[in-house]
Amino acid sequence: MSKGTDKFVVYIVDDDDSVRHALSRLMRASDIAAEAFATPEDFLQAVTPSSRGCVLLDITMPQMTGLEAQSRMKVMGIHLPVIAVSARESGDVREAARALGASFFLHKPVDGQALLDAIGWLTDTPQDREPTAKRQAGGEHPRVAGE
């Protein structure tokens, strides 16, 4: 697993095997490096403060919730952007995830294009965001993988 890499990685943390596999396939098909973890504990053991990427983090998991994982990340000095996902439609859960620093909150089942757009937003620098209209008008959008 990672332990501080220069490569941008989407860390998928979800206790559901089928969700992890589907999201991993989406990342591969989009040429985005990904690592999948069944538990937040496994994820937290694999990353370091120097890891690059973002975290796709399920909020509802059995032993450590996604919210608890976000809190642990802060304590450990891991400042990866978080895309929180949940099947629950609770505004309280969404607000709690955002209060802990989640950049995006997506509902399950996750829309693949919305997820790719969120990842693209997180990987753009502020300078990259300004000419978005030009890229959409026919220019090229920078790829996430292979940075």
C-alpha atoms as a PDB file:
ATOM      1  CA  MET A   1       0.000   0.000   0.000  1.00  0.00           C
ATOM      2  CA  SER A   2       0.965   3.663  -0.106  1.00  0.00           C
ATOM      3  CA  LYS A   3       3.046   4.948   2.827  1.00  0.00           C
ATOM      4  CA  GLY A   4       3.671   8.382   1.300  1.00  0.00           C
ATOM      5  CA  THR A   5       3.804   8.444  -2.456  1.00  0.00           C
ATOM      6  CA  ASP A   6       4.248  11.250  -4.963  1.00  0.00           C
ATOM      7  CA  LYS A   7       1.432   9.835  -7.085  1.00  0.00           C
ATOM      8  CA  PHE A   8      -2.125  11.112  -6.708  1.00  0.00           C
ATOM      9  CA  VAL A   9      -4.258   8.246  -5.364  1.00  0.00           C
ATOM     10  CA  VAL A  10      -7.980   7.999  -4.684  1.00  0.00           C
ATOM     11  CA  TYR A  11      -8.284   6.064  -1.426  1.00  0.00           C
ATOM     12  CA  ILE A  12     -11.599   4.200  -1.394  1.00  0.00           C
ATOM     13  CA  VAL A  13     -12.756   3.336   2.131  1.00  0.00           C
ATOM     14  CA  ASP A  14     -15.983   1.333   2.226  1.00  0.00           C
ATOM     15  CA  ASP A  15     -17.004  -1.816   4.083  1.00  0.00           C
ATOM     16  CA  ASP A  16     -19.131  -3.053   1.152  1.00  0.00           C
ATOM     17  CA  ASP A  17     -17.094  -5.295  -1.195  1.00  0.00           C
ATOM     18  CA  SER A  18     -19.292  -4.597  -4.214  1.00  0.00           C
ATOM     19  CA  VAL A  19     -19.025  -0.819  -3.740  1.00  0.00           C
ATOM     20  CA  ARG A  20     -15.222  -0.984  -3.368  1.00  0.00           C
ATOM     21  CA  HIS A  21     -14.899  -3.122  -6.505  1.00  0.00           C
ATOM     22  CA  ALA A  22     -17.248  -0.929  -8.556  1.00  0.00           C
ATOM     23  CA  LEU A  23     -15.486   2.283  -7.533  1.00  0.00           C
ATOM     24  CA  SER A  24     -12.071   0.715  -8.161  1.00  0.00           C
ATOM     25  CA  ARG A  25     -13.227  -0.280 -11.675  1.00  0.00           C
ATOM     26  CA  LEU A  26     -14.462   3.270 -12.302  1.00  0.00           C
ATOM     27  CA  MET A  27     -11.087   4.677 -11.259  1.00  0.00           C
ATOM     28  CA  ARG A  28      -9.177   2.208 -13.481  1.00  0.00           C
ATOM     29  CA  ALA A  29     -11.462   2.986 -16.438  1.00  0.00           C
ATOM     30  CA  SER A  30     -10.777   6.692 -15.851  1.00  0.00           C
ATOM     31  CA  ASP A  31      -7.008   6.151 -15.607  1.00  0.00           C
ATOM     32  CA  ILE A  32      -6.956   7.220 -11.945  1.00  0.00           C
ATOM     33  CA  ALA A  33      -4.773   5.417  -9.423  1.00  0.00           C
ATOM     34  CA  ALA A  34      -6.840   3.970  -6.570  1.00  0.00           C
ATOM     35  CA  GLU A  35      -6.367   1.911  -3.433  1.00  0.00           C
ATOM     36  CA  ALA A  36      -9.335   0.304  -1.713  1.00  0.00           C
ATOM     37  CA  PHE A  37      -9.761  -0.468   1.986  1.00  0.00           C
ATOM     38  CA  ALA A  38     -12.491  -2.422   3.772  1.00  0.00           C
ATOM     39  CA  THR A  39     -11.992  -0.567   7.054  1.00  0.00           C
ATOM     40  CA  PRO A  40     -10.929   2.904   8.136  1.00  0.00           C
ATOM     41  CA  GLU A  41      -8.328   1.260  10.386  1.00  0.00           C
ATOM     42  CA  ASP A  42      -6.623  -0.365   7.372  1.00  0.00           C
ATOM     43  CA  PHE A  43      -6.702   2.934   5.502  1.00  0.00           C
ATOM     44  CA  LEU A  44      -5.230   4.872   8.448  1.00  0.00           C
ATOM     45  CA  GLN A  45      -2.379   2.360   8.704  1.00  0.00           C
ATOM     46  CA  ALA A  46      -1.577   2.757   5.001  1.00  0.00           C
ATOM     47  CA  VAL A  47      -1.429   6.549   4.672  1.00  0.00           C
ATOM     48  CA  THR A  48       0.971   9.121   6.045  1.00  0.00           C
ATOM     49  CA  PRO A  49       0.949  12.917   6.236  1.00  0.00           C
ATOM     50  CA  SER A  50       2.947  12.942   2.973  1.00  0.00           C
ATOM     51  CA  SER A  51       0.405  10.833   1.035  1.00  0.00           C
ATOM     52  CA  ARG A  52      -1.121  12.594  -2.003  1.00  0.00           C
ATOM     53  CA  GLY A  53      -4.633  12.188  -3.274  1.00  0.00           C
ATOM     54  CA  CYS A  54      -8.122  12.236  -1.850  1.00  0.00           C
ATOM     55  CA  VAL A  55     -10.306   9.918   0.189  1.00  0.00           C
ATOM     56  CA  LEU A  56     -13.667   8.537  -0.884  1.00  0.00           C
ATOM     57  CA  LEU A  57     -14.989   7.764   2.585  1.00  0.00           C
ATOM     58  CA  ASP A  58     -18.158   5.883   3.491  1.00  0.00           C
ATOM     59  CA  ILE A  59     -19.759   7.476   6.533  1.00  0.00           C
ATOM     60  CA  THR A  60     -21.613   4.428   7.889  1.00  0.00           C
ATOM     61  CA  MET A  61     -19.262   1.558   8.750  1.00  0.00           C
ATOM     62  CA  PRO A  62     -19.472  -0.910  11.640  1.00  0.00           C
ATOM     63  CA  GLN A  63     -16.436  -0.435  13.885  1.00  0.00           C
ATOM     64  CA  MET A  64     -15.173   3.045  13.029  1.00  0.00           C
ATOM     65  CA  THR A  65     -17.469   5.442  11.203  1.00  0.00           C
ATOM     66  CA  GLY A  66     -16.306   7.714   8.439  1.00  0.00           C
ATOM     67  CA  LEU A  67     -16.780  10.659  10.788  1.00  0.00           C
ATOM     68  CA  GLU A  68     -14.481   9.034  13.353  1.00  0.00           C
ATOM     69  CA  ALA A  69     -11.963   8.319  10.579  1.00  0.00           C
ATOM     70  CA  GLN A  70     -12.008  11.999   9.583  1.00  0.00           C
ATOM     71  CA  SER A  71     -11.282  12.980  13.183  1.00  0.00           C
ATOM     72  CA  ARG A  72      -8.414  10.472  13.372  1.00  0.00           C
ATOM     73  CA  MET A  73      -6.967  11.806  10.118  1.00  0.00           C
ATOM     74  CA  LYS A  74      -6.771  15.285  11.646  1.00  0.00           C
ATOM     75  CA  VAL A  75      -5.056  13.966  14.791  1.00  0.00           C
ATOM     76  CA  MET A  76      -2.555  12.048  12.622  1.00  0.00           C
ATOM     77  CA  GLY A  77      -1.787  15.131  10.503  1.00  0.00           C
ATOM     78  CA  ILE A  78      -3.269  13.582   7.350  1.00  0.00           C
ATOM     79  CA  HIS A  79      -4.795  16.409   5.345  1.00  0.00           C
ATOM     80  CA  LEU A  80      -6.153  14.554   2.320  1.00  0.00           C
ATOM     81  CA  PRO A  81      -9.361  16.030   0.892  1.00  0.00           C
ATOM     82  CA  VAL A  82     -12.396  13.893   1.733  1.00  0.00           C
ATOM     83  CA  ILE A  83     -15.357  13.035  -0.454  1.00  0.00           C
ATOM     84  CA  ALA A  84     -17.886  11.649   2.031  1.00  0.00           C
ATOM     85  CA  VAL A  85     -20.507   9.174   0.832  1.00  0.00           C
ATOM     86  CA  SER A  86     -23.574   7.840   2.598  1.00  0.00           C
ATOM     87  CA  ALA A  87     -26.841   6.094   1.855  1.00  0.00           C
ATOM     88  CA  ARG A  88     -28.462   8.157   4.601  1.00  0.00           C
ATOM     89  CA  GLU A  89     -30.291  11.289   3.545  1.00  0.00           C
ATOM     90  CA  SER A  90     -29.605  13.072   6.838  1.00  0.00           C
ATOM     91  CA  GLY A  91     -28.645  16.723   6.780  1.00  0.00           C
ATOM     92  CA  ASP A  92     -27.048  16.191  10.187  1.00  0.00           C
ATOM     93  CA  VAL A  93     -24.655  13.568   8.789  1.00  0.00           C
ATOM     94  CA  ARG A  94     -23.786  15.785   5.827  1.00  0.00           C
ATOM     95  CA  GLU A  95     -23.145  18.777   8.095  1.00  0.00           C
ATOM     96  CA  ALA A  96     -21.038  16.681  10.492  1.00  0.00           C
ATOM     97  CA  ALA A  97     -18.889  15.437   7.596  1.00  0.00           C
ATOM     98  CA  ARG A  98     -18.445  18.973   6.290  1.00  0.00           C
ATOM     99  CA  ALA A  99     -17.655  20.291   9.785  1.00  0.00           C
ATOM    100  CA  LEU A 100     -14.829  17.745   9.931  1.00  0.00           C
ATOM    101  CA  GLY A 101     -13.501  19.008   6.602  1.00  0.00           C
ATOM    102  CA  ALA A 102     -15.206  16.948   3.884  1.00  0.00           C
ATOM    103  CA  SER A 103     -14.961  18.782   0.565  1.00  0.00           C
ATOM    104  CA  PHE A 104     -17.938  16.983  -0.997  1.00  0.00           C
ATOM    105  CA  PHE A 105     -20.822  14.819   0.174  1.00  0.00           C
ATOM    106  CA  LEU A 106     -22.329  12.314  -2.263  1.00  0.00           C
ATOM    107  CA  HIS A 107     -25.312  10.017  -1.734  1.00  0.00           C
ATOM    108  CA  LYS A 108     -25.189   6.285  -2.452  1.00  0.00           C
ATOM    109  CA  PRO A 109     -25.503   4.934  -4.972  1.00  0.00           C
ATOM    110  CA  VAL A 110     -22.785   7.332  -6.107  1.00  0.00           C
ATOM    111  CA  ASP A 111     -23.178   8.835  -9.573  1.00  0.00           C
ATOM    112  CA  GLY A 112     -19.926   8.001 -11.371  1.00  0.00           C
ATOM    113  CA  GLN A 113     -19.714  11.280 -13.287  1.00  0.00           C
ATOM    114  CA  ALA A 114     -20.423  13.356 -10.176  1.00  0.00           C
ATOM    115  CA  LEU A 115     -17.630  11.488  -8.397  1.00  0.00           C
ATOM    116  CA  LEU A 116     -15.182  12.011 -11.273  1.00  0.00           C
ATOM    117  CA  ASP A 117     -16.121  15.709 -11.367  1.00  0.00           C
ATOM    118  CA  ALA A 118     -15.471  16.016  -7.614  1.00  0.00           C
ATOM    119  CA  ILE A 119     -12.086  14.312  -7.981  1.00  0.00           C
ATOM    120  CA  GLY A 120     -11.260  16.588 -10.909  1.00  0.00           C
ATOM    121  CA  TRP A 121     -12.169  19.640  -8.839  1.00  0.00           C
ATOM    122  CA  LEU A 122      -9.944  18.479  -5.974  1.00  0.00           C
ATOM    123  CA  THR A 123      -6.978  17.932  -8.290  1.00  0.00           C
ATOM    124  CA  ASP A 124      -7.225  21.268 -10.096  1.00  0.00           C
ATOM    125  CA  THR A 125      -5.139  24.122  -8.793  1.00  0.00           C
ATOM    126  CA  PRO A 126      -6.882  27.517  -8.490  1.00  0.00           C
ATOM    127  CA  GLN A 127      -5.117  28.565 -11.712  1.00  0.00           C
ATOM    128  CA  ASP A 128      -6.587  25.508 -13.472  1.00  0.00           C
ATOM    129  CA  ARG A 129     -10.137  26.352 -12.392  1.00  0.00           C
ATOM    130  CA  GLU A 130     -10.303  29.762 -14.055  1.00  0.00           C
ATOM    131  CA  PRO A 131     -10.041  28.588 -17.674  1.00  0.00           C
ATOM    132  CA  THR A 132     -12.613  25.793 -17.177  1.00  0.00           C
ATOM    133  CA  ALA A 133     -14.962  27.417 -19.698  1.00  0.00           C
ATOM    134  CA  LYS A 134     -12.174  27.376 -22.289  1.00  0.00           C
ATOM    135  CA  ARG A 135     -11.485  23.676 -21.632  1.00  0.00           C
ATOM    136  CA  GLN A 136     -15.192  22.880 -21.936  1.00  0.00           C
ATOM    137  CA  ALA A 137     -15.355  24.797 -25.196  1.00  0.00           C
ATOM    138  CA  GLY A 138     -12.943  22.375 -26.806  1.00  0.00           C
ATOM    139  CA  GLY A 139      -9.733  22.579 -24.823  1.00  0.00           C
ATOM    140  CA  GLU A 140      -8.186  19.702 -22.935  1.00  0.00           C
ATOM    141  CA  HIS A 141      -8.911  18.987 -19.271  1.00  0.00           C
ATOM    142  CA  PRO A 142      -5.903  17.879 -17.222  1.00  0.00           C
ATOM    143  CA  ARG A 143      -5.927  14.175 -16.285  1.00  0.00           C
ATOM    144  CA  VAL A 144      -5.945  13.090 -12.677  1.00  0.00           C
ATOM    145  CA  ALA A 145      -3.712  10.052 -13.001  1.00  0.00           C
ATOM    146  CA  GLY A 146      -0.052  10.057 -13.805  1.00  0.00           C
ATOM    147  CA  GLU A 147       0.775  13.360 -12.167  1.00  0.00           C
END
